[in-house]
């Protein structure tokens, strides 16, 4: 591929076809960064409207149950890292439960709502602000679905799992919530990149980082807007 001639749609076609062998690792990294930049730009542009869409009563109830179930795994006063913190609802919940909470939020438009919390600069694939084995739990709600799943390389989703596992203590817990299915696409209405995941693939990603799957839940027929159907939540425990 010629230098500086990067075709996003062509890359998505290759990604969905599993035909990435002709791309160099550097190319794959650049595409990942470009897709991330597109998604962050989109969130920065419509952050306020997004905050309204995620206030759907049934969605909030599902998220509440996920947070409560995750919190039961964490020791009293334990350290939790919230990734893709968004408007901060997960941070507030865990803080009220007396956990020591830190967070990463790459979008500047969302980060302005989190000034009263412990926020560090970083991304899902770069948690260098934190040392190894720092947290009892890592909670990521709808975060890795904006990263390409480039199998066979420590880029994108695989890199995010590696970083989450690195900062987890032995025996600690990781929570992921993503769109269920196969394939990747850019949403026409918003310009955001989405990667779908199957239950099998999520288990593989965890296993690669010595993360044992301990719970799986599917959201298929919940009374939610169409964009919030067909999701999957998975909880992992890091092997000792």
Protein backbone atom coordinates (compact mmCIF):
# COMPACT_ATOMS: atom_id res chain seq x y z
CA UNK A 1 0.00 0.00 0.00
CA UNK A 2 1.43 3.42 -0.90
CA UNK A 3 2.36 5.62 2.01
CA UNK A 4 -0.29 8.13 3.10
CA UNK A 5 -2.91 6.47 0.86
CA UNK A 6 -5.27 5.12 3.50
CA UNK A 7 -8.78 4.14 2.42
CA UNK A 8 -11.00 3.60 5.47
CA UNK A 9 -13.80 1.79 3.63
CA UNK A 10 -11.35 -0.52 1.88
CA UNK A 11 -9.83 -1.34 5.27
CA UNK A 12 -13.27 -2.09 6.74
CA UNK A 13 -13.97 -4.41 3.81
CA UNK A 14 -10.70 -6.23 4.49
CA UNK A 15 -11.40 -6.34 8.22
CA UNK A 16 -14.84 -7.87 7.71
CA UNK A 17 -13.46 -10.36 5.19
CA UNK A 18 -10.59 -11.34 7.50
CA UNK A 19 -8.22 -10.31 4.72
CA UNK A 20 -5.58 -8.25 6.50
CA UNK A 21 -2.41 -10.16 5.61
CA UNK A 22 -1.35 -7.58 3.01
CA UNK A 23 -1.42 -4.76 5.59
CA UNK A 24 1.72 -4.02 7.56
CA UNK A 25 1.51 -3.76 11.34
CA UNK A 26 2.17 -0.04 11.00
CA UNK A 27 -0.74 0.29 8.54
CA UNK A 28 -3.04 -1.52 10.96
CA UNK A 29 -1.99 0.78 13.78
CA UNK A 30 -2.65 3.85 11.64
CA UNK A 31 -6.10 2.61 10.65
CA UNK A 32 -6.90 1.95 14.30
CA UNK A 33 -5.85 5.48 15.21
CA UNK A 34 -7.89 6.96 12.35
CA UNK A 35 -11.04 5.08 13.37
CA UNK A 36 -10.52 6.16 16.97
CA UNK A 37 -10.09 9.79 15.89
CA UNK A 38 -13.30 9.64 13.83
CA UNK A 39 -15.24 8.27 16.78
CA UNK A 40 -13.84 10.77 19.28
CA UNK A 41 -14.64 13.64 16.93
CA UNK A 42 -18.20 12.38 16.67
CA UNK A 43 -18.60 12.14 20.44
CA UNK A 44 -17.12 15.60 20.91
CA UNK A 45 -19.63 17.00 18.41
CA UNK A 46 -22.78 15.46 19.83
CA UNK A 47 -21.94 14.79 23.49
CA UNK A 48 -24.93 16.68 24.87
CA UNK A 49 -27.42 14.85 22.64
CA UNK A 50 -25.76 11.55 23.46
CA UNK A 51 -26.24 12.14 27.18
CA UNK A 52 -29.97 12.43 26.51
CA UNK A 53 -30.18 9.21 24.51
CA UNK A 54 -28.55 7.12 27.24
CA UNK A 55 -31.10 8.30 29.79
CA UNK A 56 -33.71 5.80 28.57
CA UNK A 57 -35.37 4.30 31.68
CA UNK A 58 -34.96 0.65 30.68
CA UNK A 59 -31.33 1.17 29.68
CA UNK A 60 -30.56 2.81 33.01
CA UNK A 61 -32.14 -0.16 34.80
CA UNK A 62 -29.98 -2.64 32.90
CA UNK A 63 -26.84 -0.59 33.59
CA UNK A 64 -27.78 -0.39 37.27
CA UNK A 65 -28.00 -4.18 37.51
CA UNK A 66 -24.63 -4.55 35.75
CA UNK A 67 -22.97 -2.15 38.16
CA UNK A 68 -24.51 -3.79 41.21
CA UNK A 69 -23.44 -7.27 40.08
CA UNK A 70 -19.90 -6.08 39.36
CA UNK A 71 -19.61 -4.31 42.72
CA UNK A 72 -20.40 -7.54 44.54
CA UNK A 73 -17.10 -8.98 43.27
CA UNK A 74 -14.93 -6.12 44.55
CA UNK A 75 -13.61 -6.07 48.15
CA UNK A 76 -14.80 -3.25 50.42
CA UNK A 77 -12.90 -0.06 49.64
CA UNK A 78 -11.30 -1.71 46.62
CA UNK A 79 -9.86 0.15 43.65
CA UNK A 80 -11.92 0.34 40.46
CA UNK A 81 -10.88 1.80 37.11
CA UNK A 82 -13.73 2.97 34.87
CA UNK A 83 -12.84 3.05 31.17
CA UNK A 84 -14.71 5.22 28.66
CA UNK A 85 -16.35 6.94 31.63
CA UNK A 86 -18.69 9.08 29.52
CA UNK A 87 -20.94 11.25 31.67
CA UNK A 88 -19.65 9.64 34.87
CA UNK A 89 -22.65 7.62 36.03
CA UNK A 90 -20.48 4.55 36.71
CA UNK A 91 -17.95 6.64 38.62
CA UNK A 92 -20.68 8.14 40.82
CA UNK A 93 -22.23 4.74 41.52
CA UNK A 94 -18.98 3.12 42.60
CA UNK A 95 -17.92 6.14 44.67
CA UNK A 96 -21.24 6.09 46.54
CA UNK A 97 -20.52 2.44 47.30
CA UNK A 98 -17.25 3.60 48.94
CA UNK A 99 -14.86 2.24 46.34
CA UNK A 100 -11.67 4.08 45.36
CA UNK A 101 -12.49 5.05 41.77
CA UNK A 102 -10.25 6.26 38.94
CA UNK A 103 -11.23 6.76 35.32
CA UNK A 104 -10.17 7.25 31.72
CA UNK A 105 -12.28 9.30 29.29
CA UNK A 106 -10.66 10.13 25.93
CA UNK A 107 -13.40 12.53 24.74
CA UNK A 108 -12.75 16.09 25.86
CA UNK A 109 -16.47 16.90 25.57
CA UNK A 110 -17.28 14.23 28.14
CA UNK A 111 -14.23 14.86 30.30
CA UNK A 112 -15.46 18.36 31.17
CA UNK A 113 -18.31 16.70 33.08
CA UNK A 114 -15.84 14.71 35.18
CA UNK A 115 -13.73 17.44 36.77
CA UNK A 116 -14.72 16.38 40.29
CA UNK A 117 -13.35 12.86 39.76
CA UNK A 118 -9.91 11.25 39.47
CA UNK A 119 -9.42 11.30 35.71
CA UNK A 120 -6.16 10.47 33.96
CA UNK A 121 -5.22 11.01 30.35
CA UNK A 122 -5.21 7.85 28.31
CA UNK A 123 -7.16 5.58 26.01
CA UNK A 124 -8.44 2.02 26.21
CA UNK A 125 -5.23 0.88 24.56
CA UNK A 126 -2.91 3.07 26.64
CA UNK A 127 -3.27 2.88 30.41
CA UNK A 128 0.35 3.86 31.02
CA UNK A 129 -0.82 6.31 33.69
CA UNK A 130 -1.30 3.28 35.95
CA UNK A 131 1.16 0.71 37.27
CA UNK A 132 0.78 -3.03 36.91
CA UNK A 133 -1.63 -4.79 39.28
CA UNK A 134 -3.20 -1.57 40.59
CA UNK A 135 -6.93 -2.30 40.48
CA UNK A 136 -9.35 -4.81 41.96
CA UNK A 137 -11.74 -4.17 39.09
CA UNK A 138 -11.85 -2.59 35.63
CA UNK A 139 -15.29 -1.59 34.33
CA UNK A 140 -15.76 -0.80 30.63
CA UNK A 141 -19.28 -0.09 29.40
CA UNK A 142 -19.53 0.21 25.61
CA UNK A 143 -15.88 1.08 25.11
CA UNK A 144 -14.04 -1.58 23.10
CA UNK A 145 -16.83 -1.64 20.52
CA UNK A 146 -15.13 1.43 19.05
CA UNK A 147 -11.87 -0.48 18.46
CA UNK A 148 -11.20 -2.76 15.49
CA UNK A 149 -10.72 -6.42 16.36
CA UNK A 150 -7.53 -7.11 14.42
CA UNK A 151 -6.90 -10.76 15.14
CA UNK A 152 -3.30 -11.93 15.30
CA UNK A 153 -1.94 -8.53 16.34
CA UNK A 154 -1.65 -6.73 19.68
CA UNK A 155 -3.51 -3.76 18.20
CA UNK A 156 -7.00 -2.41 18.83
CA UNK A 157 -9.20 -4.70 20.90
CA UNK A 158 -6.44 -7.14 21.80
CA UNK A 159 -4.27 -4.28 23.05
CA UNK A 160 -7.15 -2.95 25.16
CA UNK A 161 -7.62 -6.36 26.79
CA UNK A 162 -3.87 -6.61 27.42
CA UNK A 163 -3.80 -3.21 29.12
CA UNK A 164 -6.87 -3.95 31.24
CA UNK A 165 -5.34 -7.24 32.35
CA UNK A 166 -2.01 -5.56 33.11
CA UNK A 167 -3.48 -3.03 35.54
CA UNK A 168 -5.66 -5.67 37.23
CA UNK A 169 -4.51 -7.41 40.37
CA UNK A 170 -4.43 -11.21 40.35
CA UNK A 171 -7.97 -12.33 41.08
CA UNK A 172 -9.35 -8.96 39.94
CA UNK A 173 -12.39 -8.52 37.70
CA UNK A 174 -12.97 -7.03 34.25
CA UNK A 175 -16.40 -6.08 32.86
CA UNK A 176 -17.07 -5.51 29.15
CA UNK A 177 -20.36 -4.50 27.49
CA UNK A 178 -20.51 -4.46 23.67
CA UNK A 179 -22.71 -4.87 20.60
CA UNK A 180 -23.29 -8.55 19.89
CA UNK A 181 -22.85 -9.87 16.37
CA UNK A 182 -20.20 -9.97 13.65
CA UNK A 183 -18.57 -7.36 11.44
CA UNK A 184 -17.55 -3.73 11.72
CA UNK A 185 -18.99 -0.53 10.27
CA UNK A 186 -19.11 3.25 10.51
CA UNK A 187 -22.50 4.52 11.61
CA UNK A 188 -23.80 6.87 8.91
CA UNK A 189 -25.76 9.11 11.27
CA UNK A 190 -22.87 9.88 13.63
CA UNK A 191 -19.63 8.82 11.96
CA UNK A 192 -18.75 6.53 14.86
CA UNK A 193 -16.91 3.27 14.24
CA UNK A 194 -18.48 0.10 15.67
CA UNK A 195 -17.02 -3.38 16.03
CA UNK A 196 -19.40 -6.24 16.79
CA UNK A 197 -18.38 -9.18 18.99
CA UNK A 198 -19.63 -12.73 19.42
CA UNK A 199 -19.67 -14.47 22.79
CA UNK A 200 -17.03 -16.87 21.51
CA UNK A 201 -14.70 -14.07 20.41
CA UNK A 202 -15.03 -12.21 23.71
CA UNK A 203 -14.09 -15.38 25.56
CA UNK A 204 -11.06 -15.83 23.29
CA UNK A 205 -9.89 -12.27 23.92
CA UNK A 206 -10.10 -12.84 27.66
CA UNK A 207 -8.36 -16.19 27.52
CA UNK A 208 -5.43 -14.66 25.64
CA UNK A 209 -4.84 -12.42 28.68
CA UNK A 210 -5.47 -15.10 31.33
CA UNK A 211 -8.93 -13.71 32.04
CA UNK A 212 -11.47 -16.40 32.87
CA UNK A 213 -15.08 -15.76 31.84
CA UNK A 214 -17.31 -16.03 34.91
CA UNK A 215 -20.55 -14.45 33.69
CA UNK A 216 -22.29 -13.71 30.39
CA UNK A 217 -25.59 -11.93 29.80
CA UNK A 218 -27.41 -11.05 26.58
CA UNK A 219 -29.80 -8.18 25.85
CA UNK A 220 -32.05 -9.16 22.95
CA UNK A 221 -35.70 -8.51 23.69
CA UNK A 222 -35.53 -5.77 26.26
CA UNK A 223 -37.96 -2.85 25.65
CA UNK A 224 -35.21 -0.58 24.38
CA UNK A 225 -34.73 1.66 21.36
CA UNK A 226 -33.42 -0.31 18.35
CA UNK A 227 -29.84 0.97 18.78
CA UNK A 228 -29.68 -0.51 22.27
CA UNK A 229 -30.77 -4.06 21.35
CA UNK A 230 -28.49 -7.03 20.66
CA UNK A 231 -25.83 -6.39 23.28
CA UNK A 232 -23.71 -8.69 25.40
CA UNK A 233 -22.09 -8.21 28.81
CA UNK A 234 -19.21 -10.33 30.04
CA UNK A 235 -17.38 -10.46 33.36
CA UNK A 236 -13.90 -11.95 33.64
CA UNK A 237 -11.61 -12.80 36.54
CA UNK A 238 -7.85 -12.56 36.19
CA UNK A 239 -6.10 -15.80 37.01
CA UNK A 240 -3.86 -15.78 40.09
